[in-house]
Amino acid sequence: MRFMIIVKASKDSEAGVMPGEEILTAMAAYHEELAKAGILLDGNGLQPSSKGFRIKYEGGKRRVVDGPFTETKELVAGYTLIQVKSREEALEWARRFPNPHSEDGEIEVRQLFELEDFAQGEAIERFREMEMSGAKS
């Protein structure tokens, strides 16, 4: 089972303020523990939304909307992707996640879909082939 630990954005992260040494040290230690346990798949911080964009789908057309985006509580500042045996194990690891901000903050944990969760068919087989060749779905 794969889970994504999502770090919610803050005013500081959206302003491009880099985390301090204390937070970076705590994050490094935590991610080292995940790696030693063999469950760390990936983890990274994201640039502020001012450097991003969204694609809006409206009436069959696509429109590009450049950042920044105003609702920081809805934005993601970073993520950690883990693979564990159960939801309980994911919860155990998430409880140990260091506070990613110098102020009150929040993380969200969401389980990823696996190919087995979908009705089997040609499209799922194509994804399975990509996965086997090294491309991630």
Protein backbone atom coordinates (compact mmCIF):
# COMPACT_ATOMS: atom_id res chain seq x y z
CA MET A 1 0.00 0.00 0.00
CA ARG A 2 1.36 3.38 -0.97
CA PHE A 3 0.53 6.52 0.97
CA MET A 4 1.39 10.15 0.32
CA ILE A 5 2.08 12.39 3.27
CA ILE A 6 1.12 15.83 2.01
CA VAL A 7 2.61 18.92 3.64
CA LYS A 8 0.16 21.80 3.46
CA ALA A 9 1.50 25.20 2.43
CA SER A 10 1.90 28.09 4.83
CA LYS A 11 2.26 31.84 4.33
CA ASP A 12 6.03 31.40 4.66
CA SER A 13 6.30 28.52 2.17
CA GLU A 14 4.20 30.48 -0.32
CA ALA A 15 6.46 33.52 0.20
CA GLY A 16 9.46 31.38 -0.71
CA VAL A 17 10.89 31.39 2.82
CA MET A 18 13.16 28.36 3.07
CA PRO A 19 12.85 26.10 6.12
CA GLY A 20 15.35 26.71 8.92
CA GLU A 21 18.13 24.35 9.94
CA GLU A 22 16.09 22.89 12.82
CA ILE A 23 13.22 21.84 10.54
CA LEU A 24 15.61 20.54 7.85
CA THR A 25 17.51 18.49 10.45
CA ALA A 26 14.28 16.96 11.80
CA MET A 27 13.07 16.19 8.26
CA ALA A 28 16.40 14.61 7.30
CA ALA A 29 16.35 12.39 10.40
CA TYR A 30 12.75 11.33 9.74
CA HIS A 31 13.40 10.52 6.09
CA GLU A 32 16.55 8.58 7.04
CA GLU A 33 14.36 6.45 9.36
CA LEU A 34 11.91 5.84 6.51
CA ALA A 35 14.79 4.86 4.21
CA LYS A 36 16.31 2.50 6.80
CA ALA A 37 12.89 0.87 7.25
CA GLY A 38 12.78 0.35 3.46
CA ILE A 39 9.49 2.20 2.98
CA LEU A 40 10.58 5.56 1.52
CA LEU A 41 9.69 5.89 -2.17
CA ASP A 42 10.15 9.63 -2.65
CA GLY A 43 9.92 12.95 -0.89
CA ASN A 44 10.39 16.58 -1.91
CA GLY A 45 9.41 20.14 -1.23
CA LEU A 46 7.63 22.16 -3.87
CA GLN A 47 8.37 25.67 -5.09
CA PRO A 48 5.76 28.32 -4.16
CA SER A 49 2.61 28.47 -6.27
CA SER A 50 3.85 31.77 -7.74
CA LYS A 51 6.20 29.62 -9.86
CA GLY A 52 3.44 27.22 -10.87
CA PHE A 53 0.40 27.11 -13.06
CA ARG A 54 -2.89 25.28 -13.37
CA ILE A 55 -4.72 23.92 -16.37
CA LYS A 56 -8.44 24.69 -16.19
CA TYR A 57 -10.84 22.52 -18.19
CA GLU A 58 -13.95 24.43 -19.22
CA GLY A 59 -16.43 23.54 -21.93
CA GLY A 60 -14.02 21.11 -23.60
CA LYS A 61 -11.21 23.70 -23.72
CA ARG A 62 -8.04 24.10 -21.70
CA ARG A 63 -6.88 27.35 -20.19
CA VAL A 64 -3.58 28.05 -18.42
CA VAL A 65 -3.79 29.98 -15.14
CA ASP A 66 -0.49 31.19 -13.72
CA GLY A 67 0.17 31.27 -9.96
CA PRO A 68 0.27 32.49 -7.32
CA PHE A 69 -2.86 30.95 -5.88
CA THR A 70 -4.44 32.64 -2.89
CA GLU A 71 -5.88 29.86 -0.73
CA THR A 72 -2.76 28.58 1.06
CA LYS A 73 -4.77 26.03 3.06
CA GLU A 74 -5.55 24.28 -0.24
CA LEU A 75 -1.95 24.31 -1.50
CA VAL A 76 0.75 21.67 -1.17
CA ALA A 77 4.26 22.61 -0.06
CA GLY A 78 5.80 19.14 -0.20
CA TYR A 79 5.22 15.42 0.05
CA THR A 80 6.66 12.12 1.19
CA LEU A 81 5.67 8.91 -0.54
CA ILE A 82 5.86 5.68 1.45
CA GLN A 83 5.01 2.03 0.84
CA VAL A 84 3.77 0.15 3.89
CA LYS A 85 1.77 -2.98 4.71
CA SER A 86 -1.30 -1.29 6.21
CA ARG A 87 -3.16 1.94 6.92
CA GLU A 88 -2.20 1.52 10.58
CA GLU A 89 1.50 1.44 9.68
CA ALA A 90 1.07 4.59 7.56
CA LEU A 91 -0.67 6.26 10.50
CA GLU A 92 2.15 5.20 12.83
CA TRP A 93 4.76 6.80 10.55
CA ALA A 94 2.65 9.92 9.91
CA ARG A 95 2.33 10.55 13.65
CA ARG A 96 6.13 10.78 13.79
CA PHE A 97 6.36 13.30 10.92
CA PRO A 98 8.05 16.47 12.20
CA ASN A 99 6.07 19.72 12.11
CA PRO A 100 7.09 21.06 8.68
CA HIS A 101 6.56 24.69 9.68
CA SER A 102 7.86 27.03 12.34
CA GLU A 103 4.23 27.70 13.24
CA ASP A 104 1.15 25.50 13.62
CA GLY A 105 0.75 23.39 10.52
CA GLU A 106 -0.96 20.40 9.04
CA ILE A 107 -0.15 17.32 7.03
CA GLU A 108 -2.62 15.14 5.16
CA VAL A 109 -2.16 11.44 4.43
CA ARG A 110 -3.82 9.85 1.41
CA GLN A 111 -3.62 6.33 0.04
CA LEU A 112 -2.71 5.98 -3.62
CA PHE A 113 -4.76 3.82 -5.96
CA GLU A 114 -3.10 0.62 -7.12
CA LEU A 115 -3.80 -0.87 -10.55
CA GLU A 116 -5.65 -3.73 -8.83
CA ASP A 117 -8.22 -1.20 -7.53
CA PHE A 118 -9.55 -0.61 -11.05
CA ALA A 119 -11.66 -2.83 -13.28
CA GLN A 120 -9.25 -4.77 -15.42
CA GLY A 121 -9.16 -3.90 -19.10
CA GLU A 122 -6.95 -2.75 -21.95
CA ALA A 123 -6.15 0.64 -20.39
CA ILE A 124 -5.07 -0.94 -17.08
CA GLU A 125 -2.87 -3.40 -18.97
CA ARG A 126 -1.20 -0.47 -20.72
CA PHE A 127 -0.48 1.12 -17.32
CA ARG A 128 0.83 -2.22 -16.01
CA GLU A 129 3.22 -2.45 -19.00
CA MET A 130 4.48 1.08 -18.33
CA GLU A 131 5.02 0.20 -14.67
CA MET A 132 7.00 -2.91 -15.61
CA SER A 133 9.16 -0.91 -18.01
CA GLY A 134 10.11 1.53 -15.27
CA ALA A 135 7.61 4.32 -15.96
CA LYS A 136 5.38 5.17 -13.00
CA SER A 137 1.64 5.57 -13.36
